[in-house]
């Protein structure tokens, strides 16, 4: 993930997947890159874990 971000230097991450990749979101957030999730689903239990 780091090598991808270093090479492409994206301005934003737009995920159109139904799967959410936590490490990709964390790494982009650490670099101050905005994240947009479209058509994504998250269970109630996953949402509670992410809110911590």
N, C-alpha and C. Protein backbone atom coordinates (compact mmCIF):
# COMPACT_ATOMS: atom_id res chain seq x y z
N UNK A 1 0.83 -1.19 0.00
CA UNK A 1 0.00 0.00 0.00
C UNK A 1 0.88 1.25 0.00
N UNK A 2 1.90 1.25 0.84
CA UNK A 2 2.80 2.40 0.91
C UNK A 2 3.48 2.68 -0.41
N UNK A 3 3.95 1.63 -1.09
CA UNK A 3 4.62 1.81 -2.38
C UNK A 3 3.65 2.37 -3.42
N UNK A 4 2.43 1.87 -3.42
CA UNK A 4 1.41 2.38 -4.34
C UNK A 4 1.17 3.86 -4.09
N UNK A 5 0.96 4.24 -2.82
CA UNK A 5 0.69 5.64 -2.49
C UNK A 5 1.88 6.53 -2.81
N UNK A 6 3.09 6.04 -2.56
CA UNK A 6 4.29 6.82 -2.88
C UNK A 6 4.42 7.05 -4.38
N UNK A 7 4.12 6.03 -5.16
CA UNK A 7 4.27 6.14 -6.61
C UNK A 7 3.19 7.02 -7.24
N UNK A 8 1.93 6.77 -6.91
CA UNK A 8 0.82 7.45 -7.56
C UNK A 8 0.41 8.76 -6.89
N UNK A 9 0.71 8.91 -5.61
CA UNK A 9 0.38 10.14 -4.85
C UNK A 9 -1.05 10.63 -5.12
N UNK A 10 -2.04 9.80 -4.78
CA UNK A 10 -3.43 10.17 -5.07
C UNK A 10 -3.90 11.35 -4.22
N UNK A 11 -4.85 12.10 -4.77
CA UNK A 11 -5.46 13.22 -4.04
C UNK A 11 -6.64 12.76 -3.20
N UNK A 12 -7.25 11.63 -3.59
CA UNK A 12 -8.42 11.10 -2.89
C UNK A 12 -8.49 9.60 -3.14
N UNK A 13 -9.06 8.85 -2.19
CA UNK A 13 -9.33 7.42 -2.38
C UNK A 13 -10.83 7.27 -2.48
N UNK A 14 -11.29 6.76 -3.62
CA UNK A 14 -12.71 6.47 -3.81
C UNK A 14 -12.83 4.97 -3.97
N UNK A 15 -13.49 4.32 -3.03
CA UNK A 15 -13.64 2.88 -3.06
C UNK A 15 -15.05 2.54 -3.54
N UNK A 16 -15.13 1.81 -4.64
CA UNK A 16 -16.41 1.39 -5.19
C UNK A 16 -16.68 -0.07 -4.91
N UNK A 17 -15.91 -0.65 -4.05
CA UNK A 17 -16.04 -2.05 -3.70
C UNK A 17 -17.09 -2.23 -2.62
N UNK A 18 -17.61 -3.42 -2.50
CA UNK A 18 -18.48 -3.72 -1.36
C UNK A 18 -17.62 -4.11 -0.16
N UNK A 19 -16.38 -4.51 -0.42
CA UNK A 19 -15.44 -4.82 0.66
C UNK A 19 -14.71 -3.56 1.06
N UNK A 20 -14.52 -3.40 2.36
CA UNK A 20 -13.78 -2.26 2.88
C UNK A 20 -12.41 -2.76 3.30
N UNK A 21 -11.35 -2.16 2.82
CA UNK A 21 -9.99 -2.56 3.14
C UNK A 21 -9.46 -1.65 4.24
N UNK A 22 -9.50 -2.11 5.49
CA UNK A 22 -9.10 -1.27 6.62
C UNK A 22 -7.69 -0.69 6.50
N UNK A 23 -6.73 -1.47 6.06
CA UNK A 23 -5.35 -0.98 6.00
C UNK A 23 -5.21 0.13 4.96
N UNK A 24 -5.89 -0.01 3.82
CA UNK A 24 -5.85 1.04 2.80
C UNK A 24 -6.44 2.33 3.35
N UNK A 25 -7.54 2.23 4.07
CA UNK A 25 -8.17 3.42 4.65
C UNK A 25 -7.26 4.04 5.69
N UNK A 26 -6.65 3.22 6.55
CA UNK A 26 -5.75 3.74 7.59
C UNK A 26 -4.54 4.45 6.98
N UNK A 27 -3.93 3.83 5.98
CA UNK A 27 -2.73 4.41 5.37
C UNK A 27 -3.03 5.72 4.65
N UNK A 28 -4.16 5.77 3.94
CA UNK A 28 -4.50 7.02 3.26
C UNK A 28 -4.86 8.10 4.27
N UNK A 29 -5.55 7.73 5.34
CA UNK A 29 -5.90 8.69 6.39
C UNK A 29 -4.63 9.25 7.04
N UNK A 30 -3.65 8.40 7.30
CA UNK A 30 -2.40 8.84 7.91
C UNK A 30 -1.69 9.88 7.03
N UNK A 31 -1.89 9.80 5.74
CA UNK A 31 -1.25 10.74 4.80
C UNK A 31 -2.13 11.95 4.50
N UNK A 32 -3.29 12.02 5.16
CA UNK A 32 -4.19 13.15 4.95
C UNK A 32 -4.96 13.09 3.65
N UNK A 33 -5.08 11.89 3.08
CA UNK A 33 -5.80 11.71 1.82
C UNK A 33 -7.27 11.43 2.15
N UNK A 34 -8.20 12.22 1.62
CA UNK A 34 -9.62 11.97 1.89
C UNK A 34 -10.06 10.62 1.34
N UNK A 35 -11.01 9.99 2.02
CA UNK A 35 -11.53 8.68 1.63
C UNK A 35 -13.03 8.79 1.40
N UNK A 36 -13.50 8.26 0.27
CA UNK A 36 -14.92 8.22 -0.03
C UNK A 36 -15.30 6.77 -0.30
N UNK A 37 -16.33 6.28 0.38
CA UNK A 37 -16.81 4.93 0.17
C UNK A 37 -18.16 5.00 -0.54
N UNK A 38 -18.27 4.37 -1.69
CA UNK A 38 -19.51 4.34 -2.44
C UNK A 38 -19.94 2.89 -2.60
N UNK A 39 -21.20 2.62 -2.36
CA UNK A 39 -21.75 1.26 -2.46
C UNK A 39 -21.06 0.32 -1.49
N UNK A 40 -20.63 0.82 -0.37
CA UNK A 40 -19.96 -0.01 0.63
C UNK A 40 -20.94 -0.40 1.71
N UNK A 41 -20.68 -1.53 2.34
CA UNK A 41 -21.52 -2.01 3.43
C UNK A 41 -20.64 -2.31 4.63
N UNK A 42 -21.18 -2.05 5.81
CA UNK A 42 -20.45 -2.35 7.03
C UNK A 42 -21.45 -2.87 8.05
N UNK A 43 -21.11 -3.97 8.70
CA UNK A 43 -21.99 -4.53 9.71
C UNK A 43 -21.99 -3.65 10.96
N UNK A 44 -23.00 -3.80 11.80
CA UNK A 44 -23.08 -3.04 13.04
C UNK A 44 -21.86 -3.29 13.92
N UNK A 45 -21.42 -4.56 14.01
CA UNK A 45 -20.26 -4.87 14.86
C UNK A 45 -18.98 -4.24 14.30
N UNK A 46 -18.82 -4.23 12.99
CA UNK A 46 -17.65 -3.59 12.39
C UNK A 46 -17.69 -2.08 12.63
N UNK A 47 -18.86 -1.49 12.52
CA UNK A 47 -19.00 -0.06 12.75
C UNK A 47 -18.58 0.30 14.17
N UNK A 48 -19.00 -0.49 15.14
CA UNK A 48 -18.61 -0.22 16.54
C UNK A 48 -17.10 -0.31 16.71
N UNK A 49 -16.45 -1.29 16.08
CA UNK A 49 -14.99 -1.41 16.18
C UNK A 49 -14.31 -0.21 15.54
N UNK A 50 -14.79 0.26 14.40
CA UNK A 50 -14.19 1.39 13.70
C UNK A 50 -14.37 2.69 14.46
N UNK A 51 -15.43 2.80 15.25
CA UNK A 51 -15.69 4.04 15.97
C UNK A 51 -14.79 4.22 17.17
N UNK A 52 -14.05 3.19 17.55
CA UNK A 52 -13.15 3.32 18.71
C UNK A 52 -11.96 4.14 18.42
